[in-house]
N, C-alpha and C. Protein backbone atom coordinates (compact mmCIF):
# COMPACT_ATOMS: atom_id res chain seq x y z
N MET A 1 -6.10 18.17 3.37
CA MET A 1 -5.53 16.75 2.70
C MET A 1 -4.42 17.25 1.81
N SER A 2 -3.23 16.49 1.68
CA SER A 2 -2.22 17.20 0.59
C SER A 2 -2.24 15.91 -0.32
N ILE A 3 -1.46 16.63 -1.32
CA ILE A 3 -1.53 15.64 -2.51
C ILE A 3 -0.84 14.32 -2.13
N GLU A 4 0.06 14.50 -1.44
CA GLU A 4 0.83 13.12 -1.07
C GLU A 4 -0.20 12.16 -0.19
N GLU A 5 -0.97 12.79 0.50
CA GLU A 5 -1.95 11.81 1.33
C GLU A 5 -3.03 11.37 0.38
N ALA A 6 -3.58 12.08 -0.64
CA ALA A 6 -4.10 11.56 -1.62
C ALA A 6 -3.73 10.45 -2.70
N LEU A 7 -2.44 10.69 -2.95
CA LEU A 7 -1.90 9.55 -3.67
C LEU A 7 -1.42 8.66 -2.61
N GLU A 8 -1.25 8.47 -1.62
CA GLU A 8 -1.10 7.26 -0.67
C GLU A 8 -2.66 6.64 -0.65
N ALA A 9 -3.62 7.31 -0.58
CA ALA A 9 -5.05 6.58 -0.64
C ALA A 9 -5.35 5.79 -1.89
N LEU A 10 -4.49 6.44 -2.89
CA LEU A 10 -4.95 5.80 -4.21
C LEU A 10 -3.90 4.95 -4.81
N LYS A 11 -2.95 4.24 -3.69
CA LYS A 11 -1.95 3.71 -4.01
C LYS A 11 -2.26 2.45 -4.90
N SER A 12 -3.24 1.69 -4.85
CA SER A 12 -3.72 0.74 -5.61
C SER A 12 -4.92 1.23 -6.53
N ASP A 13 -4.71 1.07 -7.67
CA ASP A 13 -5.66 1.16 -8.78
C ASP A 13 -6.67 0.65 -8.76
N THR A 14 -6.98 -0.51 -7.99
CA THR A 14 -8.42 -1.01 -7.97
C THR A 14 -8.62 -0.96 -6.22
N ASN A 15 -10.09 -1.72 -6.48
CA ASN A 15 -10.50 -1.55 -4.98
C ASN A 15 -10.61 -0.26 -4.12
N ILE A 16 -10.57 0.73 -5.10
CA ILE A 16 -10.70 2.33 -4.73
C ILE A 16 -12.34 2.33 -4.37
N LYS A 17 -12.94 2.93 -3.25
CA LYS A 17 -14.41 3.44 -3.36
C LYS A 17 -14.57 4.42 -4.31
N PHE A 18 -15.54 4.71 -4.89
CA PHE A 18 -15.82 5.65 -5.73
C PHE A 18 -16.31 6.91 -4.85
N LYS A 19 -16.74 6.55 -3.94
CA LYS A 19 -17.18 7.94 -3.12
C LYS A 19 -15.81 8.39 -2.51
N ASP A 20 -14.71 7.76 -2.11
CA ASP A 20 -13.32 8.22 -1.73
C ASP A 20 -12.66 9.29 -2.78
N LEU A 21 -12.68 8.37 -4.12
CA LEU A 21 -12.24 9.15 -5.42
C LEU A 21 -12.76 10.54 -5.61
N LEU A 22 -14.41 10.65 -5.43
CA LEU A 22 -14.93 11.72 -5.48
C LEU A 22 -14.70 12.66 -4.83
N LYS A 23 -14.49 12.25 -3.30
CA LYS A 23 -14.02 13.31 -2.42
C LYS A 23 -12.59 13.95 -2.65
N ILE A 24 -11.43 13.29 -3.23
CA ILE A 24 -10.43 13.65 -3.55
C ILE A 24 -10.55 14.80 -4.95
N CYS A 25 -11.29 14.14 -5.93
CA CYS A 25 -11.44 15.11 -7.05
C CYS A 25 -12.22 16.29 -6.62
N GLU A 26 -13.02 16.38 -5.69
CA GLU A 26 -13.78 17.66 -5.16
C GLU A 26 -12.87 18.33 -4.65
N TYR A 27 -11.93 17.95 -3.71
CA TYR A 27 -10.95 18.65 -3.16
C TYR A 27 -9.95 19.44 -3.99
N PHE A 28 -9.31 18.79 -5.03
CA PHE A 28 -8.00 19.25 -5.78
C PHE A 28 -8.56 19.85 -6.93
N PHE A 29 -9.72 19.32 -7.65
CA PHE A 29 -9.97 19.92 -9.01
C PHE A 29 -11.23 20.75 -8.91
N GLU A 30 -11.74 21.50 -10.01
CA GLU A 30 -13.04 22.25 -10.17
C GLU A 30 -14.05 21.52 -10.54
N GLY A 31 -15.26 21.34 -10.11
CA GLY A 31 -16.26 20.68 -10.42
C GLY A 31 -17.13 19.94 -9.28
N PRO A 32 -17.91 19.04 -9.51
CA PRO A 32 -18.01 18.43 -10.87
C PRO A 32 -19.22 18.94 -11.47
N ARG A 33 -18.95 18.79 -12.71
CA ARG A 33 -20.35 18.54 -13.93
C ARG A 33 -20.84 17.33 -13.87
N ILE A 34 -21.77 17.07 -13.77
CA ILE A 34 -22.25 15.93 -13.80
C ILE A 34 -23.36 15.52 -14.71
N SER A 35 -22.79 14.55 -15.88
CA SER A 35 -23.56 14.02 -16.86
C SER A 35 -24.13 12.88 -16.76
N GLY A 36 -25.20 12.24 -16.58
CA GLY A 36 -25.73 10.95 -16.44
C GLY A 36 -24.69 10.34 -15.10
N SER A 37 -24.03 9.30 -15.39
CA SER A 37 -23.23 8.93 -14.21
C SER A 37 -22.01 9.32 -14.18
N HIS A 38 -21.43 10.10 -14.88
CA HIS A 38 -19.93 10.71 -15.30
C HIS A 38 -20.09 11.83 -14.51
N HIS A 39 -18.97 11.96 -13.52
CA HIS A 39 -18.53 13.16 -12.85
C HIS A 39 -17.29 13.62 -13.65
N ILE A 40 -17.26 14.97 -13.96
CA ILE A 40 -16.41 15.53 -14.85
C ILE A 40 -15.79 16.73 -14.23
N PHE A 41 -14.47 16.60 -13.83
CA PHE A 41 -13.77 17.76 -13.33
C PHE A 41 -13.00 18.33 -14.09
N LYS A 42 -12.46 19.75 -14.01
CA LYS A 42 -11.67 20.49 -14.81
C LYS A 42 -10.22 21.00 -14.31
N MET A 43 -9.48 20.41 -15.09
CA MET A 43 -7.92 20.88 -14.27
C MET A 43 -7.58 22.04 -14.73
N PRO A 44 -6.66 22.43 -14.05
CA PRO A 44 -6.31 24.02 -14.05
C PRO A 44 -4.97 24.07 -15.08
N TRP A 45 -5.04 23.40 -16.13
CA TRP A 45 -3.97 23.26 -17.08
C TRP A 45 -4.76 23.24 -18.57
N GLN A 46 -3.80 23.86 -19.60
CA GLN A 46 -4.26 23.64 -20.79
C GLN A 46 -4.05 22.05 -21.12
N GLY A 47 -4.68 21.90 -22.38
CA GLY A 47 -4.40 20.42 -22.94
C GLY A 47 -5.68 19.68 -22.86
N HIS A 48 -5.63 18.67 -22.35
CA HIS A 48 -6.77 17.76 -21.97
C HIS A 48 -7.21 18.13 -20.62
N PRO A 49 -7.74 19.28 -20.24
CA PRO A 49 -8.48 19.79 -19.01
C PRO A 49 -9.49 18.92 -18.25
N ARG A 50 -9.58 17.75 -18.28
CA ARG A 50 -10.77 17.10 -17.71
C ARG A 50 -10.38 15.57 -17.00
N VAL A 51 -10.82 15.48 -16.14
CA VAL A 51 -10.79 13.94 -15.73
C VAL A 51 -12.30 13.42 -15.39
N ASN A 52 -12.76 12.60 -15.92
CA ASN A 52 -13.88 12.05 -15.82
C ASN A 52 -14.13 10.64 -15.02
N ILE A 53 -14.66 10.60 -14.14
CA ILE A 53 -15.16 9.34 -13.11
C ILE A 53 -16.40 8.74 -12.99
N GLN A 54 -16.64 7.75 -12.92
CA GLN A 54 -18.02 7.24 -12.97
C GLN A 54 -17.69 5.80 -11.85
N LYS A 55 -19.01 5.37 -11.45
CA LYS A 55 -19.16 4.12 -10.60
C LYS A 55 -18.93 2.82 -11.35
N ASP A 56 -18.41 1.91 -11.00
CA ASP A 56 -18.33 0.57 -11.09
C ASP A 56 -18.85 -0.05 -10.10
N GLY A 57 -20.02 -0.44 -9.69
CA GLY A 57 -20.64 -0.78 -8.70
C GLY A 57 -20.46 0.19 -7.79
N ASN A 58 -19.75 -0.17 -6.57
CA ASN A 58 -19.62 1.11 -5.55
C ASN A 58 -17.99 1.51 -5.52
N LYS A 59 -17.47 0.79 -6.48
CA LYS A 59 -16.11 1.26 -6.71
C LYS A 59 -15.73 1.89 -8.01
N ALA A 60 -14.47 2.60 -7.99
CA ALA A 60 -14.16 3.43 -9.05
C ALA A 60 -13.52 2.50 -9.95
N LYS A 61 -13.63 2.88 -11.20
CA LYS A 61 -12.97 2.13 -12.38
C LYS A 61 -11.51 2.37 -12.22
N ALA A 62 -10.77 1.23 -12.38
CA ALA A 62 -9.34 1.70 -12.16
C ALA A 62 -8.69 2.34 -13.19
N TYR A 63 -8.77 2.46 -14.55
CA TYR A 63 -8.25 3.34 -15.41
C TYR A 63 -8.65 4.82 -14.92
N GLN A 64 -9.83 5.20 -14.29
CA GLN A 64 -10.11 6.37 -14.04
C GLN A 64 -9.12 6.87 -12.82
N VAL A 65 -9.18 5.76 -11.84
CA VAL A 65 -8.10 5.97 -10.70
C VAL A 65 -6.79 6.68 -11.28
N LYS A 66 -6.25 5.73 -12.12
CA LYS A 66 -4.75 6.04 -12.63
C LYS A 66 -4.85 7.53 -13.23
N GLN A 67 -5.82 7.81 -13.98
CA GLN A 67 -6.18 9.25 -14.62
C GLN A 67 -5.87 10.13 -13.57
N VAL A 68 -6.67 10.10 -12.24
CA VAL A 68 -6.73 11.14 -11.21
C VAL A 68 -5.26 11.15 -10.41
N LYS A 69 -4.47 10.02 -10.43
CA LYS A 69 -3.50 9.85 -9.83
C LYS A 69 -2.64 10.61 -11.06
N GLU A 70 -2.55 10.52 -11.93
CA GLU A 70 -1.63 11.28 -13.12
C GLU A 70 -1.92 12.73 -12.96
N ALA A 71 -3.35 13.24 -12.77
CA ALA A 71 -3.59 14.88 -12.56
C ALA A 71 -2.84 14.96 -11.34
N LEU A 72 -3.03 14.45 -10.36
CA LEU A 72 -2.52 14.78 -9.01
C LEU A 72 -0.88 14.89 -9.20
N LEU A 73 -0.33 13.93 -9.73
CA LEU A 73 1.18 14.17 -9.91
C LEU A 73 1.46 15.53 -10.62
N LYS A 74 0.92 15.83 -11.63
CA LYS A 74 0.85 16.75 -12.56
C LYS A 74 0.69 18.14 -11.69
N LEU A 75 -0.32 18.20 -10.83
CA LEU A 75 -0.78 19.26 -10.07
C LEU A 75 0.31 19.32 -9.05
N LYS A 76 1.10 18.43 -8.38
CA LYS A 76 2.16 18.33 -7.58
C LYS A 76 3.29 19.18 -8.03
N GLU A 77 3.75 18.74 -9.51
CA GLU A 77 4.66 19.32 -10.22
C GLU A 77 4.58 20.80 -10.47
N MET A 78 3.46 21.07 -10.84
CA MET A 78 2.86 22.51 -10.93
C MET A 78 3.28 23.33 -9.81
N LYS A 79 2.66 22.92 -8.32
CA LYS A 79 2.98 23.62 -7.38
C LYS A 79 4.34 23.60 -7.09
N LYS A 80 5.25 22.81 -7.44
CA LYS A 80 6.79 22.63 -7.12
C LYS A 80 7.09 23.69 -7.97
N GLU A 81 6.91 23.94 -9.20
CA GLU A 81 7.47 25.01 -10.07
C GLU A 81 6.91 26.35 -9.52
N GLU A 82 5.64 26.44 -9.35
CA GLU A 82 5.62 27.68 -8.55
C GLU A 82 5.95 28.25 -7.46
N SER A 83 6.57 27.18 -6.49
CA SER A 83 7.49 27.78 -5.25
C SER A 83 8.69 28.02 -5.63
N LYS A 84 9.36 28.11 -6.63
CA LYS A 84 10.60 28.06 -7.07
C LYS A 84 10.76 29.69 -7.30
């Protein structure tokens, strides 16, 4: 799976299945560390190095989908810089 494919799968911030978001996070990020209903993934950069996701029924919470998309975009930019 490429970052572009993951971003396409997350095009809508709503109506994303939690299991689909979890698969994307497991593929691209380190983790998860599970604390109750929270799945916490470590990012490969300094600063705020975590993304936290949790279920909302069988769906992912929209604001958490946005956070994952932002993390994927940052990861894409990092990979682009590394290839220069």
